[in-house]
Amino acid sequence: MNYLLALLLPPLSILFAGRPIIAIITFLVWIPALLFSGGLTHPMFIILAWILIWEGRNRTE
């Protein structure tokens, strides 16, 4: 479910993955990046969220 959320709102997904500081920093960079690039940088944030979710799952196992 968190991977699906990462497609739409990567910073929120990162927050749910247990990384609040990175989520705040990502949010502060994500909003201007969306506004100035017209959404071209959005896949970069999706990939970042997926990596952090995957890392969190592997860390708890």
C-alpha atoms as a PDB file:
ATOM      1  CA  MET A   1       0.000   0.000   0.000  1.00  0.00           C
ATOM      2  CA  ASN A   2       2.857   2.344   0.787  1.00  0.00           C
ATOM      3  CA  TYR A   3       4.325   1.783  -2.675  1.00  0.00           C
ATOM      4  CA  LEU A   4       1.043   2.938  -4.195  1.00  0.00           C
ATOM      5  CA  LEU A   5       1.032   6.034  -2.006  1.00  0.00           C
ATOM      6  CA  ALA A   6       4.575   6.769  -3.185  1.00  0.00           C
ATOM      7  CA  LEU A   7       3.272   7.229  -6.711  1.00  0.00           C
ATOM      8  CA  LEU A   8       1.046  10.115  -5.674  1.00  0.00           C
ATOM      9  CA  LEU A   9       2.614  11.646  -2.549  1.00  0.00           C
ATOM     10  CA  PRO A  10       6.222  10.563  -2.076  1.00  0.00           C
ATOM     11  CA  PRO A  11       6.917  12.689   1.041  1.00  0.00           C
ATOM     12  CA  LEU A  12       3.902  11.243   2.868  1.00  0.00           C
ATOM     13  CA  SER A  13       4.974   7.758   1.887  1.00  0.00           C
ATOM     14  CA  ILE A  14       8.460   8.417   3.253  1.00  0.00           C
ATOM     15  CA  LEU A  15       6.899   9.631   6.498  1.00  0.00           C
ATOM     16  CA  PHE A  16       4.876   6.414   6.808  1.00  0.00           C
ATOM     17  CA  ALA A  17       8.065   4.442   6.162  1.00  0.00           C
ATOM     18  CA  GLY A  18       9.413   5.831   9.433  1.00  0.00           C
ATOM     19  CA  ARG A  19      11.763   8.538   8.147  1.00  0.00           C
ATOM     20  CA  PRO A  20      10.242  11.849   9.389  1.00  0.00           C
ATOM     21  CA  ILE A  21      13.301  14.081   8.900  1.00  0.00           C
ATOM     22  CA  ILE A  22      13.863  12.875   5.347  1.00  0.00           C
ATOM     23  CA  ALA A  23      10.124  13.280   4.698  1.00  0.00           C
ATOM     24  CA  ILE A  24      10.216  16.938   5.754  1.00  0.00           C
ATOM     25  CA  ILE A  25      13.305  17.666   3.670  1.00  0.00           C
ATOM     26  CA  THR A  26      11.797  15.846   0.698  1.00  0.00           C
ATOM     27  CA  PHE A  27       8.566  17.804   1.036  1.00  0.00           C
ATOM     28  CA  LEU A  28      10.443  21.109   1.103  1.00  0.00           C
ATOM     29  CA  VAL A  29      12.280  20.180  -2.103  1.00  0.00           C
ATOM     30  CA  TRP A  30       9.359  18.366  -3.772  1.00  0.00           C
ATOM     31  CA  ILE A  31       6.914  21.312  -3.866  1.00  0.00           C
ATOM     32  CA  PRO A  32       9.243  23.789  -5.642  1.00  0.00           C
ATOM     33  CA  ALA A  33      10.498  21.017  -7.920  1.00  0.00           C
ATOM     34  CA  LEU A  34       6.927  20.257  -9.016  1.00  0.00           C
ATOM     35  CA  LEU A  35       6.142  23.918  -9.573  1.00  0.00           C
ATOM     36  CA  PHE A  36       9.280  24.846 -11.488  1.00  0.00           C
ATOM     37  CA  SER A  37       9.770  21.687 -13.550  1.00  0.00           C
ATOM     38  CA  GLY A  38       6.125  20.996 -14.277  1.00  0.00           C
ATOM     39  CA  GLY A  39       6.277  17.511 -12.779  1.00  0.00           C
ATOM     40  CA  LEU A  40       9.381  16.301 -14.603  1.00  0.00           C
ATOM     41  CA  THR A  41      11.193  15.625 -11.318  1.00  0.00           C
ATOM     42  CA  HIS A  42       8.326  13.647  -9.779  1.00  0.00           C
ATOM     43  CA  PRO A  43       9.734  10.235 -10.868  1.00  0.00           C
ATOM     44  CA  MET A  44      12.937  11.017  -8.972  1.00  0.00           C
ATOM     45  CA  PHE A  45      10.974  11.401  -5.733  1.00  0.00           C
ATOM     46  CA  ILE A  46       8.979   8.238  -6.428  1.00  0.00           C
ATOM     47  CA  ILE A  47      12.205   6.271  -6.810  1.00  0.00           C
ATOM     48  CA  LEU A  48      13.563   7.801  -3.585  1.00  0.00           C
ATOM     49  CA  ALA A  49      10.398   6.807  -1.720  1.00  0.00           C
ATOM     50  CA  TRP A  50      10.483   3.261  -3.101  1.00  0.00           C
ATOM     51  CA  ILE A  51      14.133   2.847  -2.078  1.00  0.00           C
ATOM     52  CA  LEU A  52      13.428   4.083   1.461  1.00  0.00           C
ATOM     53  CA  ILE A  53      10.364   1.834   1.797  1.00  0.00           C
ATOM     54  CA  TRP A  54      12.329  -1.177   0.550  1.00  0.00           C
ATOM     55  CA  GLU A  55      15.226  -0.356   2.863  1.00  0.00           C
ATOM     56  CA  GLY A  56      12.869  -0.069   5.838  1.00  0.00           C
ATOM     57  CA  ARG A  57      11.297  -3.433   5.121  1.00  0.00           C
ATOM     58  CA  ASN A  58      14.671  -5.149   4.788  1.00  0.00           C
ATOM     59  CA  ARG A  59      15.966  -3.517   7.951  1.00  0.00           C
ATOM     60  CA  THR A  60      13.145  -4.922  10.091  1.00  0.00           C
ATOM     61  CA  GLU A  61      13.490  -8.500   8.850  1.00  0.00           C
END
